[in-house]
N, C-alpha and C. Protein backbone atom coordinates (compact mmCIF):
# COMPACT_ATOMS: atom_id res chain seq x y z
N MET A 1 -22.12 11.98 8.80
CA MET A 1 -20.78 12.01 7.81
C MET A 1 -19.80 12.84 8.09
N SER A 2 -18.59 12.20 7.61
CA SER A 2 -17.26 12.81 7.93
C SER A 2 -16.91 14.43 7.69
N GLY A 3 -17.61 14.89 6.50
CA GLY A 3 -17.33 16.07 6.04
C GLY A 3 -16.12 16.06 5.15
N ILE A 4 -15.67 15.00 4.91
CA ILE A 4 -14.69 15.01 3.58
C ILE A 4 -15.45 14.83 2.25
N PRO A 5 -14.91 15.79 1.32
CA PRO A 5 -15.64 15.73 0.04
C PRO A 5 -15.54 14.58 -0.68
N GLU A 6 -16.49 14.30 -1.43
CA GLU A 6 -16.60 13.25 -2.49
C GLU A 6 -15.38 13.62 -3.51
N PHE A 7 -15.10 12.57 -4.32
CA PHE A 7 -14.14 12.73 -5.56
C PHE A 7 -14.99 13.39 -6.49
N GLY A 8 -14.28 14.71 -6.91
CA GLY A 8 -15.00 15.49 -7.97
C GLY A 8 -14.59 14.97 -9.45
N ASP A 9 -15.25 15.65 -10.45
CA ASP A 9 -14.94 15.10 -11.65
C ASP A 9 -13.53 15.38 -12.10
N ALA A 10 -12.89 16.28 -11.59
CA ALA A 10 -11.50 16.77 -12.02
C ALA A 10 -10.75 15.47 -11.27
N GLU A 11 -10.97 15.16 -10.26
CA GLU A 11 -9.92 14.21 -9.50
C GLU A 11 -10.20 12.67 -10.13
N LEU A 12 -11.42 12.40 -10.63
CA LEU A 12 -11.76 11.21 -11.29
C LEU A 12 -10.95 11.24 -12.58
N TRP A 13 -10.98 12.29 -13.29
CA TRP A 13 -10.40 12.37 -14.67
C TRP A 13 -8.90 12.15 -14.28
N VAL A 14 -8.34 12.87 -13.43
CA VAL A 14 -6.90 12.47 -13.26
C VAL A 14 -6.51 10.89 -13.00
N ILE A 15 -7.34 10.07 -12.07
CA ILE A 15 -7.10 8.74 -11.84
C ILE A 15 -7.36 8.05 -13.20
N LYS A 16 -8.62 8.34 -13.83
CA LYS A 16 -8.90 7.57 -15.24
C LYS A 16 -7.87 7.84 -16.16
N SER A 17 -7.28 9.04 -16.41
CA SER A 17 -6.31 9.20 -17.30
C SER A 17 -4.86 8.42 -16.99
N ALA A 18 -4.59 8.41 -15.84
CA ALA A 18 -3.27 7.72 -15.22
C ALA A 18 -3.61 6.16 -15.54
N LEU A 19 -4.75 5.72 -15.20
CA LEU A 19 -5.05 4.35 -15.59
C LEU A 19 -5.01 3.85 -17.37
N LYS A 20 -5.46 4.79 -17.96
CA LYS A 20 -5.57 4.80 -19.27
C LYS A 20 -4.22 4.77 -19.76
N GLU A 21 -3.13 5.67 -19.41
CA GLU A 21 -1.84 5.74 -19.69
C GLU A 21 -1.07 4.42 -19.32
N ARG A 22 -1.29 4.01 -18.23
CA ARG A 22 -0.73 2.65 -17.60
C ARG A 22 -1.04 1.55 -18.27
N TYR A 23 -2.18 1.45 -18.79
CA TYR A 23 -2.67 0.28 -19.30
C TYR A 23 -3.39 0.01 -20.63
N GLY A 24 -3.33 1.33 -21.05
CA GLY A 24 -3.71 1.55 -22.76
C GLY A 24 -4.95 1.23 -22.98
N LYS A 25 -5.86 1.32 -21.79
CA LYS A 25 -7.41 1.25 -22.12
C LYS A 25 -8.16 1.94 -21.00
N ASP A 26 -9.38 2.09 -21.09
CA ASP A 26 -10.39 2.61 -20.12
C ASP A 26 -10.52 1.39 -19.08
N LEU A 27 -10.44 1.94 -17.61
CA LEU A 27 -10.76 0.84 -16.69
C LEU A 27 -11.91 1.29 -15.92
N GLU A 28 -12.69 0.52 -15.65
CA GLU A 28 -13.87 0.80 -14.65
C GLU A 28 -13.24 1.08 -13.24
N VAL A 29 -13.73 2.23 -12.77
CA VAL A 29 -13.38 2.42 -11.37
C VAL A 29 -14.74 2.37 -10.36
N GLU A 30 -14.71 2.17 -9.37
CA GLU A 30 -16.06 2.01 -8.32
C GLU A 30 -15.66 3.09 -7.31
N LEU A 31 -16.63 3.70 -7.23
CA LEU A 31 -16.59 4.72 -5.84
C LEU A 31 -17.28 3.88 -4.85
N ALA A 32 -16.63 3.99 -3.64
CA ALA A 32 -16.93 3.41 -2.34
C ALA A 32 -16.66 4.41 -1.24
N ASP A 33 -16.76 3.72 0.04
CA ASP A 33 -16.43 4.52 1.24
C ASP A 33 -15.47 3.49 2.03
N SER A 34 -14.39 4.12 2.63
CA SER A 34 -13.62 3.33 3.57
C SER A 34 -13.53 3.77 4.84
N GLU A 35 -13.41 3.12 5.85
CA GLU A 35 -13.33 3.53 7.28
C GLU A 35 -11.85 3.42 7.71
N LEU A 36 -11.31 4.58 7.99
CA LEU A 36 -9.98 4.61 8.39
C LEU A 36 -9.63 5.52 9.58
N ARG A 37 -8.75 5.27 10.10
CA ARG A 37 -8.02 5.99 11.46
C ARG A 37 -7.30 7.09 10.87
N LEU A 38 -7.67 8.33 10.81
CA LEU A 38 -6.89 9.29 10.04
C LEU A 38 -5.65 9.87 10.67
N HIS A 39 -5.38 9.55 12.15
CA HIS A 39 -4.32 9.52 12.86
C HIS A 39 -4.02 8.46 13.70
N PRO A 40 -2.93 8.05 14.07
CA PRO A 40 -2.54 6.82 14.74
C PRO A 40 -3.21 6.66 16.05
N ASP A 41 -3.59 7.74 16.90
CA ASP A 41 -4.00 7.69 18.13
C ASP A 41 -5.43 7.89 18.08
N ASP A 42 -6.10 8.10 17.07
CA ASP A 42 -7.65 8.21 16.75
C ASP A 42 -8.30 6.83 17.29
N GLN A 43 -9.41 7.01 18.06
CA GLN A 43 -10.26 5.91 18.62
C GLN A 43 -11.33 5.62 17.46
N GLU A 44 -11.90 6.56 17.05
CA GLU A 44 -12.94 6.38 15.98
C GLU A 44 -12.30 6.33 14.36
N LEU A 45 -13.12 5.49 13.91
CA LEU A 45 -13.00 5.47 12.45
C LEU A 45 -13.67 6.60 11.56
N THR A 46 -13.08 6.97 10.54
CA THR A 46 -13.67 8.06 9.73
C THR A 46 -14.29 7.71 8.35
N LEU A 47 -15.20 7.87 7.96
CA LEU A 47 -15.71 7.38 6.49
C LEU A 47 -15.01 8.30 5.50
N CYS A 48 -14.37 7.53 4.49
CA CYS A 48 -13.46 8.43 3.45
C CYS A 48 -14.00 7.72 2.16
N PRO A 49 -14.18 8.97 1.28
CA PRO A 49 -14.57 8.33 -0.18
C PRO A 49 -13.29 7.77 -0.81
N THR A 50 -13.56 6.83 -1.35
CA THR A 50 -12.71 5.74 -1.92
C THR A 50 -12.88 5.64 -3.32
N VAL A 51 -11.76 5.33 -4.06
CA VAL A 51 -11.80 4.87 -5.60
C VAL A 51 -11.30 3.53 -5.45
N PHE A 52 -11.94 2.67 -6.10
CA PHE A 52 -11.49 1.22 -6.10
C PHE A 52 -11.32 0.63 -7.71
N TRP A 53 -10.43 -0.09 -7.93
CA TRP A 53 -10.04 -0.68 -9.39
C TRP A 53 -9.32 -1.82 -9.41
N GLN A 54 -9.40 -2.68 -10.33
CA GLN A 54 -8.82 -4.20 -10.33
C GLN A 54 -8.12 -4.15 -11.61
N GLU A 55 -6.96 -4.63 -11.70
CA GLU A 55 -6.40 -5.00 -12.92
C GLU A 55 -5.00 -5.87 -12.88
N ARG A 56 -4.93 -6.76 -13.66
CA ARG A 56 -3.89 -7.77 -13.83
C ARG A 56 -3.61 -8.58 -12.34
N GLY A 57 -4.76 -8.92 -11.82
CA GLY A 57 -4.72 -9.63 -10.48
C GLY A 57 -4.45 -8.81 -9.53
N ALA A 58 -4.39 -7.60 -9.56
CA ALA A 58 -4.15 -6.54 -8.25
C ALA A 58 -5.54 -5.74 -8.01
N SER A 59 -5.72 -5.64 -6.85
CA SER A 59 -6.72 -4.53 -6.48
C SER A 59 -6.12 -3.37 -5.82
N PHE A 60 -6.59 -2.04 -6.15
CA PHE A 60 -6.37 -0.79 -5.81
C PHE A 60 -7.24 0.10 -5.03
N VAL A 61 -6.84 0.62 -4.14
CA VAL A 61 -7.60 1.54 -3.35
C VAL A 61 -7.10 2.89 -3.29
N LEU A 62 -7.67 3.84 -3.41
CA LEU A 62 -7.29 5.31 -3.28
C LEU A 62 -8.34 6.04 -2.44
N CYS A 63 -7.89 6.57 -1.21
CA CYS A 63 -8.95 6.99 -0.47
C CYS A 63 -8.47 8.63 -0.40
N LYS A 64 -9.63 9.52 -0.16
CA LYS A 64 -9.51 10.72 0.10
C LYS A 64 -9.81 11.08 1.50
N VAL A 65 -8.71 11.60 2.33
CA VAL A 65 -8.80 11.65 3.80
C VAL A 65 -9.07 13.16 4.15
N ALA A 66 -9.05 14.11 3.19
CA ALA A 66 -9.36 15.33 3.33
C ALA A 66 -9.37 16.27 2.18
N GLU A 67 -9.59 17.41 2.00
CA GLU A 67 -9.60 18.15 0.85
C GLU A 67 -8.00 18.15 0.53
N ASN A 68 -7.97 17.67 -0.81
CA ASN A 68 -6.52 17.40 -1.40
C ASN A 68 -5.59 16.84 -0.61
N ARG A 69 -5.96 15.65 0.09
CA ARG A 69 -5.32 14.79 0.85
C ARG A 69 -5.46 13.34 0.41
N TYR A 70 -4.57 12.40 0.19
CA TYR A 70 -5.01 11.22 -0.49
C TYR A 70 -4.05 9.87 0.39
N ARG A 71 -4.57 8.67 0.46
CA ARG A 71 -3.80 7.69 0.69
C ARG A 71 -4.22 6.48 -0.26
N SER A 72 -3.00 5.63 -0.50
CA SER A 72 -3.58 4.64 -1.56
C SER A 72 -2.61 3.13 -1.15
N LEU A 73 -3.19 2.28 -1.64
CA LEU A 73 -2.48 0.76 -1.43
C LEU A 73 -3.14 -0.07 -2.60
N PHE A 74 -2.15 -1.08 -2.83
CA PHE A 74 -2.72 -2.22 -3.67
C PHE A 74 -2.55 -3.41 -3.14
N PHE A 75 -3.16 -4.36 -3.47
CA PHE A 75 -3.13 -5.78 -2.89
C PHE A 75 -3.42 -6.79 -3.66
N TYR A 76 -3.03 -8.12 -3.57
CA TYR A 76 -3.40 -9.27 -4.00
C TYR A 76 -4.44 -10.06 -3.29
N SER A 77 -4.22 -10.12 -1.90
CA SER A 77 -4.90 -10.86 -0.79
C SER A 77 -4.99 -10.06 0.35
N ALA A 78 -5.40 -10.58 1.39
CA ALA A 78 -5.59 -9.91 2.73
C ALA A 78 -4.11 -9.94 3.28
N ARG A 79 -3.45 -11.03 2.90
CA ARG A 79 -2.16 -11.03 3.49
C ARG A 79 -0.92 -10.28 2.64
N GLU A 80 -1.46 -10.13 1.45
CA GLU A 80 -0.27 -9.43 0.57
C GLU A 80 -0.94 -8.12 0.20
N GLN A 81 -0.31 -6.88 0.90
CA GLN A 81 -0.80 -5.72 0.70
C GLN A 81 0.17 -4.91 0.78
N TYR A 82 0.32 -3.76 -0.02
CA TYR A 82 1.54 -2.83 -0.39
C TYR A 82 0.98 -1.37 -0.42
N GLY A 83 1.65 -0.53 0.53
CA GLY A 83 1.56 0.83 0.40
C GLY A 83 2.59 1.35 -0.44
N THR A 84 2.46 2.77 -0.52
CA THR A 84 3.81 3.41 -1.42
C THR A 84 4.95 3.72 -0.67
N GLY A 85 4.74 3.66 1.00
CA GLY A 85 5.73 4.07 1.83
C GLY A 85 5.63 5.65 2.27
N ARG A 86 4.50 6.20 1.57
CA ARG A 86 4.18 7.65 2.16
C ARG A 86 2.59 7.52 2.78
N GLN A 87 2.59 8.12 4.01
CA GLN A 87 1.25 8.24 4.65
C GLN A 87 0.20 8.87 3.85
N GLU A 88 0.46 10.02 3.49
CA GLU A 88 -0.36 10.94 2.48
C GLU A 88 0.47 11.45 1.54
N TYR A 89 -0.55 12.11 0.43
CA TYR A 89 0.01 12.88 -0.69
C TYR A 89 -1.22 14.03 -0.56
N ASP A 90 -0.42 15.26 -0.74
CA ASP A 90 -1.41 16.58 -1.27
C ASP A 90 -1.73 16.55 -2.72
N ASP A 91 -0.96 15.73 -3.55
CA ASP A 91 -0.97 15.86 -5.01
C ASP A 91 -1.58 14.64 -5.58
N LEU A 92 -2.75 14.42 -6.05
CA LEU A 92 -3.54 13.42 -6.50
C LEU A 92 -2.71 12.44 -7.56
N ALA A 93 -2.10 13.49 -8.77
CA ALA A 93 -1.47 12.51 -9.66
C ALA A 93 -0.34 12.33 -9.21
N ASP A 94 0.48 12.67 -8.29
CA ASP A 94 1.62 11.98 -7.53
C ASP A 94 1.23 10.86 -7.09
N CYS A 95 0.03 10.74 -6.12
CA CYS A 95 -0.48 9.57 -5.54
C CYS A 95 -0.56 8.35 -6.56
N VAL A 96 -1.38 8.61 -7.46
CA VAL A 96 -1.71 7.70 -8.51
C VAL A 96 -0.70 7.09 -9.28
N LEU A 97 0.22 7.97 -9.71
CA LEU A 97 1.29 7.47 -10.56
C LEU A 97 2.47 6.69 -9.36
N THR A 98 2.58 7.12 -8.43
CA THR A 98 3.53 6.35 -7.37
C THR A 98 2.83 5.09 -7.29
N LEU A 99 1.58 5.01 -6.89
CA LEU A 99 0.99 3.62 -6.96
C LEU A 99 0.96 2.52 -7.97
N LEU A 100 0.93 3.33 -9.06
CA LEU A 100 0.95 2.52 -10.38
C LEU A 100 2.50 2.02 -10.79
N ARG A 101 3.34 2.89 -10.27
CA ARG A 101 4.49 2.73 -10.53
C ARG A 101 5.15 1.41 -9.66
N LEU A 102 4.89 1.36 -8.37
CA LEU A 102 5.34 0.47 -7.54
C LEU A 102 4.36 -0.81 -7.82
N GLN A 103 3.33 -0.78 -8.00
CA GLN A 103 2.69 -2.11 -8.55
C GLN A 103 3.35 -2.62 -9.74
N ALA A 104 3.73 -1.83 -10.72
CA ALA A 104 4.30 -2.28 -12.03
C ALA A 104 5.59 -3.03 -11.64
N ASP A 105 6.36 -2.32 -10.75
CA ASP A 105 7.72 -2.92 -10.35
C ASP A 105 7.59 -4.15 -9.62
N HIS A 106 6.52 -4.11 -8.72
CA HIS A 106 6.15 -5.44 -8.06
C HIS A 106 5.66 -6.51 -8.92
N GLU A 107 4.88 -6.15 -9.77
CA GLU A 107 4.39 -7.24 -10.91
C GLU A 107 5.70 -7.75 -11.59
N ALA A 108 6.46 -6.96 -12.02
CA ALA A 108 7.90 -7.51 -12.60
C ALA A 108 8.54 -8.46 -11.66
N LYS A 109 8.58 -8.00 -10.66
CA LYS A 109 9.49 -8.92 -9.53
C LYS A 109 8.67 -10.14 -9.54
N ARG A 110 7.36 -10.14 -9.16
CA ARG A 110 6.75 -11.37 -8.97
C ARG A 110 6.71 -12.33 -10.29
N ALA A 111 6.61 -11.65 -11.44
CA ALA A 111 6.85 -12.58 -12.88
C ALA A 111 8.28 -13.07 -12.91
N VAL A 112 9.25 -12.32 -12.49
CA VAL A 112 10.62 -12.96 -12.67
C VAL A 112 10.77 -13.98 -11.68
N ALA A 113 10.35 -13.99 -10.34
CA ALA A 113 10.28 -15.04 -9.43
C ALA A 113 9.42 -16.25 -9.83
N GLY A 114 8.43 -15.96 -10.54
CA GLY A 114 7.53 -16.99 -10.87
C GLY A 114 7.86 -17.61 -12.44
N GLY A 115 8.80 -16.92 -13.02
CA GLY A 115 9.40 -17.44 -14.41
C GLY A 115 8.46 -16.95 -15.49
N GLU A 116 7.29 -16.02 -15.11
CA GLU A 116 6.50 -15.36 -16.14
C GLU A 116 7.18 -14.28 -17.03
N PRO A 117 6.69 -14.05 -18.17
CA PRO A 117 7.28 -12.81 -18.86
C PRO A 117 6.74 -11.33 -18.20
N THR A 118 7.54 -10.35 -18.38
CA THR A 118 6.86 -9.22 -17.62
C THR A 118 6.11 -8.55 -18.82
N ARG A 119 5.07 -7.78 -18.11
CA ARG A 119 4.24 -6.86 -18.81
C ARG A 119 4.37 -5.54 -18.42
N ARG A 120 4.54 -4.44 -19.22
CA ARG A 120 4.61 -3.18 -18.82
C ARG A 120 3.46 -2.47 -19.27
């Protein structure tokens, strides 16, 4: 095992609260593990605790890479993946909120490009 602690109840509460605020309902989140290179020059992959959820056609992945260190991204397909522009966060709430804001902005742009009404 990698020694990275699992997501605790307080961390899961932060994530679920942000999701409820964003979508107006409770969402199911799944706990998983992801294999990541923690540093660009790493040869080995590290097993990292992960929270996964899906909403409005997007999938979200939030990984814990160390105590109080997080990475996140959202995607629609293997070819359409988006990060937040930051490698890591030391504040979970900031990580989740930035991810949700960027995906909402992306969703709005996709709707305008496709002629769909925007949902916030």
